[in-house]
């Protein structure tokens, strides 16, 4: 019985997670703060809701900054190739 080989999509998805391990965490944090803010608005605590909405913007901005930072890093160093020694 042969082992099942992973598809190209699975390999690319795994590589993305290795390159951007903090982006999914930032996305979940953004969703969590957003949910908490909406719940506090619903319960009538508008001051806490405003603070949480501001916190959401900060967390969302940090997540976008991580995405841009890793895109710039891997744009300059694609696939971490070794320098060409023949030059």
PDB file of N, CA and C in Angstrom:
ATOM      1  N   UNK A   1       0.830  -1.170   0.000  1.00  0.00           N
ATOM      2  CA  UNK A   1       0.000   0.000   0.000  1.00  0.00           C
ATOM      3  C   UNK A   1       0.881   1.242   0.000  1.00  0.00           C
ATOM      4  N   UNK A   2       0.700   2.090  -0.991  1.00  0.00           N
ATOM      5  CA  UNK A   2       1.501   3.304  -1.094  1.00  0.00           C
ATOM      6  C   UNK A   2       0.943   4.430  -0.237  1.00  0.00           C
ATOM      7  N   UNK A   3       1.844   5.295   0.152  1.00  0.00           N
ATOM      8  CA  UNK A   3       1.425   6.457   0.944  1.00  0.00           C
ATOM      9  C   UNK A   3       0.744   7.474   0.027  1.00  0.00           C
ATOM     10  N   UNK A   4      -0.209   8.163   0.553  1.00  0.00           N
ATOM     11  CA  UNK A   4      -0.931   9.174  -0.213  1.00  0.00           C
ATOM     12  C   UNK A   4      -0.067  10.428  -0.249  1.00  0.00           C
ATOM     13  N   UNK A   5       0.205  10.913  -1.456  1.00  0.00           N
ATOM     14  CA  UNK A   5       1.006  12.126  -1.598  1.00  0.00           C
ATOM     15  C   UNK A   5       0.107  13.350  -1.480  1.00  0.00           C
ATOM     16  N   UNK A   6       0.588  14.388  -0.792  1.00  0.00           N
ATOM     17  CA  UNK A   6      -0.227  15.598  -0.663  1.00  0.00           C
ATOM     18  C   UNK A   6      -0.328  16.317  -2.001  1.00  0.00           C
ATOM     19  N   UNK A   7      -1.439  16.992  -2.196  1.00  0.00           N
ATOM     20  CA  UNK A   7      -1.639  17.736  -3.431  1.00  0.00           C
ATOM     21  C   UNK A   7      -0.848  19.034  -3.390  1.00  0.00           C
ATOM     22  N   UNK A   8      -0.733  19.677  -4.530  1.00  0.00           N
ATOM     23  CA  UNK A   8      -0.005  20.944  -4.627  1.00  0.00           C
ATOM     24  C   UNK A   8      -0.659  22.016  -3.766  1.00  0.00           C
ATOM     25  N   UNK A   9      -1.987  22.038  -3.728  1.00  0.00           N
ATOM     26  CA  UNK A   9      -2.691  23.022  -2.902  1.00  0.00           C
ATOM     27  C   UNK A   9      -2.356  22.846  -1.427  1.00  0.00           C
ATOM     28  N   UNK A  10      -2.276  21.605  -0.966  1.00  0.00           N
ATOM     29  CA  UNK A  10      -1.948  21.352   0.432  1.00  0.00           C
ATOM     30  C   UNK A  10      -0.522  21.805   0.739  1.00  0.00           C
ATOM     31  N   UNK A  11       0.399  21.558  -0.172  1.00  0.00           N
ATOM     32  CA  UNK A  11       1.782  21.975   0.051  1.00  0.00           C
ATOM     33  C   UNK A  11       1.903  23.492   0.087  1.00  0.00           C
ATOM     34  N   UNK A  12       1.205  24.179  -0.816  1.00  0.00           N
ATOM     35  CA  UNK A  12       1.268  25.638  -0.835  1.00  0.00           C
ATOM     36  C   UNK A  12       0.629  26.224   0.417  1.00  0.00           C
ATOM     37  N   UNK A  13      -0.461  25.639   0.871  1.00  0.00           N
ATOM     38  CA  UNK A  13      -1.118  26.125   2.084  1.00  0.00           C
ATOM     39  C   UNK A  13      -0.202  25.944   3.289  1.00  0.00           C
ATOM     40  N   UNK A  14       0.482  24.819   3.372  1.00  0.00           N
ATOM     41  CA  UNK A  14       1.412  24.576   4.477  1.00  0.00           C
ATOM     42  C   UNK A  14       2.569  25.569   4.430  1.00  0.00           C
ATOM     43  N   UNK A  15       3.059  25.882   3.254  1.00  0.00           N
ATOM     44  CA  UNK A  15       4.151  26.834   3.123  1.00  0.00           C
ATOM     45  C   UNK A  15       3.709  28.232   3.540  1.00  0.00           C
ATOM     46  N   UNK A  16       2.478  28.613   3.220  1.00  0.00           N
ATOM     47  CA  UNK A  16       1.961  29.919   3.633  1.00  0.00           C
ATOM     48  C   UNK A  16       1.896  30.016   5.148  1.00  0.00           C
ATOM     49  N   UNK A  17       1.448  28.948   5.798  1.00  0.00           N
ATOM     50  CA  UNK A  17       1.376  28.966   7.257  1.00  0.00           C
ATOM     51  C   UNK A  17       2.760  29.076   7.869  1.00  0.00           C
ATOM     52  N   UNK A  18       3.753  28.474   7.261  1.00  0.00           N
ATOM     53  CA  UNK A  18       5.108  28.570   7.794  1.00  0.00           C
ATOM     54  C   UNK A  18       5.648  29.979   7.611  1.00  0.00           C
ATOM     55  N   UNK A  19       5.292  30.644   6.515  1.00  0.00           N
ATOM     56  CA  UNK A  19       5.788  31.997   6.267  1.00  0.00           C
ATOM     57  C   UNK A  19       5.074  33.034   7.114  1.00  0.00           C
ATOM     58  N   UNK A  20       3.794  32.866   7.350  1.00  0.00           N
ATOM     59  CA  UNK A  20       2.980  33.840   8.081  1.00  0.00           C
ATOM     60  C   UNK A  20       2.310  33.191   9.285  1.00  0.00           C
ATOM     61  N   UNK A  21       3.066  32.750  10.282  1.00  0.00           N
ATOM     62  CA  UNK A  21       2.416  32.062  11.403  1.00  0.00           C
ATOM     63  C   UNK A  21       1.587  32.990  12.284  1.00  0.00           C
ATOM     64  N   UNK A  22       1.868  34.298  12.283  1.00  0.00           N
ATOM     65  CA  UNK A  22       1.151  35.214  13.166  1.00  0.00           C
ATOM     66  C   UNK A  22      -0.098  35.805  12.531  1.00  0.00           C
ATOM     67  N   UNK A  23      -0.227  35.707  11.219  1.00  0.00           N
ATOM     68  CA  UNK A  23      -1.386  36.293  10.545  1.00  0.00           C
ATOM     69  C   UNK A  23      -2.692  35.601  10.946  1.00  0.00           C
ATOM     70  N   UNK A  24      -2.777  34.279  10.988  1.00  0.00           N
ATOM     71  CA  UNK A  24      -4.034  33.667  11.451  1.00  0.00           C
ATOM     72  C   UNK A  24      -4.359  34.034  12.904  1.00  0.00           C
ATOM     73  N   UNK A  25      -3.325  34.154  13.737  1.00  0.00           N
ATOM     74  CA  UNK A  25      -3.554  34.561  15.126  1.00  0.00           C
ATOM     75  C   UNK A  25      -4.130  35.971  15.156  1.00  0.00           C
ATOM     76  N   UNK A  26      -3.574  36.875  14.359  1.00  0.00           N
ATOM     77  CA  UNK A  26      -4.082  38.240  14.283  1.00  0.00           C
ATOM     78  C   UNK A  26      -5.507  38.296  13.768  1.00  0.00           C
ATOM     79  N   UNK A  27      -5.819  37.439  12.806  1.00  0.00           N
ATOM     80  CA  UNK A  27      -7.189  37.409  12.273  1.00  0.00           C
ATOM     81  C   UNK A  27      -8.176  36.940  13.329  1.00  0.00           C
ATOM     82  N   UNK A  28      -7.809  35.918  14.101  1.00  0.00           N
ATOM     83  CA  UNK A  28      -8.691  35.441  15.169  1.00  0.00           C
ATOM     84  C   UNK A  28      -8.825  36.484  16.276  1.00  0.00           C
ATOM     85  N   UNK A  29      -7.734  37.194  16.581  1.00  0.00           N
ATOM     86  CA  UNK A  29      -7.817  38.247  17.590  1.00  0.00           C
ATOM     87  C   UNK A  29      -8.730  39.373  17.121  1.00  0.00           C
ATOM     88  N   UNK A  30      -8.613  39.734  15.851  1.00  0.00           N
ATOM     89  CA  UNK A  30      -9.481  40.777  15.296  1.00  0.00           C
ATOM     90  C   UNK A  30     -10.944  40.365  15.399  1.00  0.00           C
ATOM     91  N   UNK A  31     -11.230  39.134  15.022  1.00  0.00           N
ATOM     92  CA  UNK A  31     -12.611  38.644  15.088  1.00  0.00           C
ATOM     93  C   UNK A  31     -13.113  38.601  16.528  1.00  0.00           C
ATOM     94  N   UNK A  32     -12.245  38.217  17.456  1.00  0.00           N
ATOM     95  CA  UNK A  32     -12.643  38.148  18.858  1.00  0.00           C
ATOM     96  C   UNK A  32     -12.951  39.514  19.444  1.00  0.00           C
ATOM     97  N   UNK A  33     -12.091  40.498  19.154  1.00  0.00           N
ATOM     98  CA  UNK A  33     -12.319  41.847  19.666  1.00  0.00           C
ATOM     99  C   UNK A  33     -13.571  42.448  19.023  1.00  0.00           C
ATOM    100  N   UNK A  34     -13.766  42.184  17.735  1.00  0.00           N
ATOM    101  CA  UNK A  34     -14.968  42.667  17.059  1.00  0.00           C
ATOM    102  C   UNK A  34     -16.232  42.080  17.691  1.00  0.00           C
ATOM    103  N   UNK A  35     -16.203  40.788  17.942  1.00  0.00           N
ATOM    104  CA  UNK A  35     -17.361  40.130  18.552  1.00  0.00           C
ATOM    105  C   UNK A  35     -17.627  40.691  19.952  1.00  0.00           C
ATOM    106  N   UNK A  36     -16.575  40.847  20.740  1.00  0.00           N
ATOM    107  CA  UNK A  36     -16.750  41.397  22.089  1.00  0.00           C
ATOM    108  C   UNK A  36     -17.310  42.821  22.028  1.00  0.00           C
ATOM    109  N   UNK A  37     -16.842  43.616  21.068  1.00  0.00           N
ATOM    110  CA  UNK A  37     -17.349  44.978  20.918  1.00  0.00           C
ATOM    111  C   UNK A  37     -18.814  45.008  20.536  1.00  0.00           C
ATOM    112  N   UNK A  38     -19.189  44.132  19.616  1.00  0.00           N
ATOM    113  CA  UNK A  38     -20.597  44.078  19.209  1.00  0.00           C
ATOM    114  C   UNK A  38     -21.495  43.612  20.347  1.00  0.00           C
ATOM    115  N   UNK A  39     -21.016  42.651  21.132  1.00  0.00           N
ATOM    116  CA  UNK A  39     -21.796  42.170  22.271  1.00  0.00           C
ATOM    117  C   UNK A  39     -21.965  43.278  23.297  1.00  0.00           C
ATOM    118  N   UNK A  40     -20.898  44.043  23.548  1.00  0.00           N
ATOM    119  CA  UNK A  40     -21.008  45.119  24.539  1.00  0.00           C
ATOM    120  C   UNK A  40     -21.950  46.222  24.056  1.00  0.00           C
ATOM    121  N   UNK A  41     -21.944  46.515  22.752  1.00  0.00           N
ATOM    122  CA  UNK A  41     -22.916  47.474  22.220  1.00  0.00           C
ATOM    123  C   UNK A  41     -24.335  46.955  22.413  1.00  0.00           C
ATOM    124  N   UNK A  42     -24.515  45.685  22.148  1.00  0.00           N
ATOM    125  CA  UNK A  42     -25.849  45.072  22.259  1.00  0.00           C
ATOM    126  C   UNK A  42     -26.365  45.147  23.688  1.00  0.00           C
ATOM    127  N   UNK A  43     -25.449  45.000  24.651  1.00  0.00           N
ATOM    128  CA  UNK A  43     -25.848  45.038  26.063  1.00  0.00           C
ATOM    129  C   UNK A  43     -26.002  46.457  26.577  1.00  0.00           C
ATOM    130  N   UNK A  44     -25.654  47.450  25.774  1.00  0.00           N
ATOM    131  CA  UNK A  44     -25.846  48.833  26.163  1.00  0.00           C
ATOM    132  C   UNK A  44     -24.630  49.507  26.762  1.00  0.00           C
ATOM    133  N   UNK A  45     -23.492  48.830  26.776  1.00  0.00           N
ATOM    134  CA  UNK A  45     -22.270  49.411  27.321  1.00  0.00           C
ATOM    135  C   UNK A  45     -21.488  50.054  26.170  1.00  0.00           C
ATOM    136  N   UNK A  46     -21.890  51.251  25.795  1.00  0.00           N
ATOM    137  CA  UNK A  46     -21.308  51.877  24.610  1.00  0.00           C
ATOM    138  C   UNK A  46     -19.875  52.342  24.829  1.00  0.00           C
ATOM    139  N   UNK A  47     -19.501  52.706  26.058  1.00  0.00           N
ATOM    140  CA  UNK A  47     -18.119  53.138  26.302  1.00  0.00           C
ATOM    141  C   UNK A  47     -17.146  51.983  26.088  1.00  0.00           C
ATOM    142  N   UNK A  48     -17.467  50.821  26.629  1.00  0.00           N
ATOM    143  CA  UNK A  48     -16.615  49.647  26.425  1.00  0.00           C
ATOM    144  C   UNK A  48     -16.625  49.246  24.954  1.00  0.00           C
ATOM    145  N   UNK A  49     -17.782  49.343  24.326  1.00  0.00           N
ATOM    146  CA  UNK A  49     -17.881  49.009  22.904  1.00  0.00           C
ATOM    147  C   UNK A  49     -16.975  49.893  22.054  1.00  0.00           C
ATOM    148  N   UNK A  50     -16.932  51.192  22.365  1.00  0.00           N
ATOM    149  CA  UNK A  50     -16.059  52.106  21.616  1.00  0.00           C
ATOM    150  C   UNK A  50     -14.595  51.746  21.809  1.00  0.00           C
ATOM    151  N   UNK A  51     -14.219  51.414  23.043  1.00  0.00           N
ATOM    152  CA  UNK A  51     -12.829  51.019  23.311  1.00  0.00           C
ATOM    153  C   UNK A  51     -12.471  49.748  22.558  1.00  0.00           C
ATOM    154  N   UNK A  52     -13.379  48.800  22.533  1.00  0.00           N
ATOM    155  CA  UNK A  52     -13.120  47.546  21.825  1.00  0.00           C
ATOM    156  C   UNK A  52     -13.063  47.758  20.315  1.00  0.00           C
ATOM    157  N   UNK A  53     -13.872  48.659  19.789  1.00  0.00           N
ATOM    158  CA  UNK A  53     -13.813  48.941  18.354  1.00  0.00           C
ATOM    159  C   UNK A  53     -12.485  49.616  17.992  1.00  0.00           C
ATOM    160  N   UNK A  54     -11.994  50.479  18.880  1.00  0.00           N
ATOM    161  CA  UNK A  54     -10.676  51.086  18.639  1.00  0.00           C
ATOM    162  C   UNK A  54      -9.572  50.030  18.732  1.00  0.00           C
ATOM    163  N   UNK A  55      -9.718  49.128  19.685  1.00  0.00           N
ATOM    164  CA  UNK A  55      -8.748  48.041  19.815  1.00  0.00           C
ATOM    165  C   UNK A  55      -8.778  47.146  18.577  1.00  0.00           C
ATOM    166  N   UNK A  56      -9.969  46.941  18.025  1.00  0.00           N
ATOM    167  CA  UNK A  56     -10.077  46.127  16.808  1.00  0.00           C
ATOM    168  C   UNK A  56      -9.298  46.754  15.660  1.00  0.00           C
ATOM    169  N   UNK A  57      -9.389  48.073  15.541  1.00  0.00           N
ATOM    170  CA  UNK A  57      -8.664  48.764  14.479  1.00  0.00           C
ATOM    171  C   UNK A  57      -7.161  48.583  14.658  1.00  0.00           C
ATOM    172  N   UNK A  58      -6.690  48.663  15.903  1.00  0.00           N
ATOM    173  CA  UNK A  58      -5.259  48.489  16.172  1.00  0.00           C
ATOM    174  C   UNK A  58      -4.814  47.070  15.844  1.00  0.00           C
ATOM    175  N   UNK A  59      -5.583  46.077  16.293  1.00  0.00           N
ATOM    176  CA  UNK A  59      -5.234  44.677  16.036  1.00  0.00           C
ATOM    177  C   UNK A  59      -5.302  44.381  14.540  1.00  0.00           C
ATOM    178  N   UNK A  60      -6.300  44.909  13.863  1.00  0.00           N
ATOM    179  CA  UNK A  60      -6.433  44.695  12.426  1.00  0.00           C
ATOM    180  C   UNK A  60      -5.273  45.349  11.687  1.00  0.00           C
ATOM    181  N   UNK A  61      -4.869  46.541  12.112  1.00  0.00           N
ATOM    182  CA  UNK A  61      -3.731  47.207  11.497  1.00  0.00           C
ATOM    183  C   UNK A  61      -2.442  46.427  11.702  1.00  0.00           C
ATOM    184  N   UNK A  62      -2.268  45.857  12.897  1.00  0.00           N
ATOM    185  CA  UNK A  62      -1.075  45.045  13.158  1.00  0.00           C
ATOM    186  C   UNK A  62      -1.060  43.798  12.275  1.00  0.00           C
ATOM    187  N   UNK A  63      -2.220  43.209  12.061  1.00  0.00           N
ATOM    188  CA  UNK A  63      -2.300  42.024  11.199  1.00  0.00           C
ATOM    189  C   UNK A  63      -1.948  42.381   9.759  1.00  0.00           C
ATOM    190  N   UNK A  64      -2.460  43.494   9.277  1.00  0.00           N
ATOM    191  CA  UNK A  64      -2.133  43.933   7.910  1.00  0.00           C
ATOM    192  C   UNK A  64      -0.646  44.264   7.816  1.00  0.00           C
ATOM    193  N   UNK A  65      -0.083  44.881   8.849  1.00  0.00           N
ATOM    194  CA  UNK A  65       1.350  45.186   8.847  1.00  0.00           C
ATOM    195  C   UNK A  65       2.190  43.911   8.798  1.00  0.00           C
ATOM    196  N   UNK A  66       1.757  42.869   9.514  1.00  0.00           N
ATOM    197  CA  UNK A  66       2.446  41.582   9.445  1.00  0.00           C
ATOM    198  C   UNK A  66       2.376  40.993   8.042  1.00  0.00           C
ATOM    199  N   UNK A  67       1.220  41.103   7.418  1.00  0.00           N
ATOM    200  CA  UNK A  67       1.061  40.576   6.063  1.00  0.00           C
ATOM    201  C   UNK A  67       1.968  41.315   5.093  1.00  0.00           C
ATOM    202  N   UNK A  68       1.990  42.642   5.186  1.00  0.00           N
ATOM    203  CA  UNK A  68       2.827  43.439   4.290  1.00  0.00           C
ATOM    204  C   UNK A  68       4.296  43.167   4.565  1.00  0.00           C
ATOM    205  N   UNK A  69       4.652  43.082   5.843  1.00  0.00           N
ATOM    206  CA  UNK A  69       6.044  42.833   6.202  1.00  0.00           C
ATOM    207  C   UNK A  69       6.557  41.506   5.675  1.00  0.00           C
ATOM    208  N   UNK A  70       5.759  40.456   5.805  1.00  0.00           N
ATOM    209  CA  UNK A  70       6.209  39.163   5.294  1.00  0.00           C
ATOM    210  C   UNK A  70       6.212  39.149   3.766  1.00  0.00           C
ATOM    211  N   UNK A  71       5.281  39.871   3.145  1.00  0.00           N
ATOM    212  CA  UNK A  71       5.286  39.945   1.676  1.00  0.00           C
ATOM    213  C   UNK A  71       6.537  40.668   1.184  1.00  0.00           C
ATOM    214  N   UNK A  72       6.919  41.736   1.866  1.00  0.00           N
ATOM    215  CA  UNK A  72       8.138  42.461   1.480  1.00  0.00           C
ATOM    216  C   UNK A  72       9.357  41.585   1.713  1.00  0.00           C
ATOM    217  N   UNK A  73       9.411  40.912   2.863  1.00  0.00           N
ATOM    218  CA  UNK A  73      10.561  40.062   3.173  1.00  0.00           C
ATOM    219  C   UNK A  73      10.715  38.949   2.144  1.00  0.00           C
ATOM    220  N   UNK A  74       9.629  38.251   1.848  1.00  0.00           N
ATOM    221  CA  UNK A  74       9.722  37.152   0.896  1.00  0.00           C
ATOM    222  C   UNK A  74       9.789  37.648  -0.539  1.00  0.00           C
ATOM    223  N   UNK A  75       9.437  38.893  -0.783  1.00  0.00           N
ATOM    224  CA  UNK A  75       9.638  39.465  -2.113  1.00  0.00           C
ATOM    225  C   UNK A  75      11.115  39.723  -2.363  1.00  0.00           C
ATOM    226  N   UNK A  76      11.828  40.088  -1.309  1.00  0.00           N
ATOM    227  CA  UNK A  76      13.260  40.324  -1.427  1.00  0.00           C
ATOM    228  C   UNK A  76      14.042  39.021  -1.338  1.00  0.00           C
ATOM    229  N   UNK A  77      13.506  38.044  -0.639  1.00  0.00           N
ATOM    230  CA  UNK A  77      14.170  36.759  -0.454  1.00  0.00           C
ATOM    231  C   UNK A  77      13.227  35.628  -0.852  1.00  0.00           C
ATOM    232  N   UNK A  78      12.856  35.520  -2.138  1.00  0.00           N
ATOM    233  CA  UNK A  78      11.860  34.503  -2.512  1.00  0.00           C
ATOM    234  C   UNK A  78      12.372  33.091  -2.261  1.00  0.00           C
ATOM    235  N   UNK A  79      11.592  32.345  -1.516  1.00  0.00           N
ATOM    236  CA  UNK A  79      11.826  30.930  -1.207  1.00  0.00           C
ATOM    237  C   UNK A  79      13.167  30.694  -0.526  1.00  0.00           C
ATOM    238  N   UNK A  80      13.779  31.734   0.002  1.00  0.00           N
ATOM    239  CA  UNK A  80      15.047  31.621   0.731  1.00  0.00           C
ATOM    240  C   UNK A  80      16.112  30.881  -0.075  1.00  0.00           C
ATOM    241  N   UNK A  81      16.238  31.248  -1.343  1.00  0.00           N
ATOM    242  CA  UNK A  81      17.239  30.612  -2.201  1.00  0.00           C
ATOM    243  C   UNK A  81      18.628  31.027  -1.764  1.00  0.00           C
ATOM    244  N   UNK A  82      19.579  30.123  -1.929  1.00  0.00           N
ATOM    245  CA  UNK A  82      20.970  30.441  -1.637  1.00  0.00           C
ATOM    246  C   UNK A  82      21.510  31.298  -2.775  1.00  0.00           C
ATOM    247  N   UNK A  83      22.418  32.218  -2.480  1.00  0.00           N
ATOM    248  CA  UNK A  83      22.974  33.057  -3.550  1.00  0.00           C
ATOM    249  C   UNK A  83      23.710  32.214  -4.574  1.00  0.00           C
ATOM    250  N   UNK A  84      23.670  32.669  -5.805  1.00  0.00           N
ATOM    251  CA  UNK A  84      24.318  31.970  -6.905  1.00  0.00           C
ATOM    252  C   UNK A  84      25.826  32.109  -6.761  1.00  0.00           C
ATOM    253  N   UNK A  85      26.540  31.006  -6.598  1.00  0.00           N
ATOM    254  CA  UNK A  85      27.986  31.043  -6.376  1.00  0.00           C
ATOM    255  C   UNK A  85      28.786  31.090  -7.677  1.00  0.00           C
ATOM    256  N   UNK A  86      28.096  31.023  -8.819  1.00  0.00           N
ATOM    257  CA  UNK A  86      28.807  31.005 -10.093  1.00  0.00           C
ATOM    258  C   UNK A  86      29.158  32.414 -10.582  1.00  0.00           C
ATOM    259  N   UNK A  87      28.647  33.434  -9.940  1.00  0.00           N
ATOM    260  CA  UNK A  87      28.882  34.802 -10.399  1.00  0.00           C
ATOM    261  C   UNK A  87      30.152  35.340  -9.852  1.00  0.00           C
TER     262      UNK A  87
END
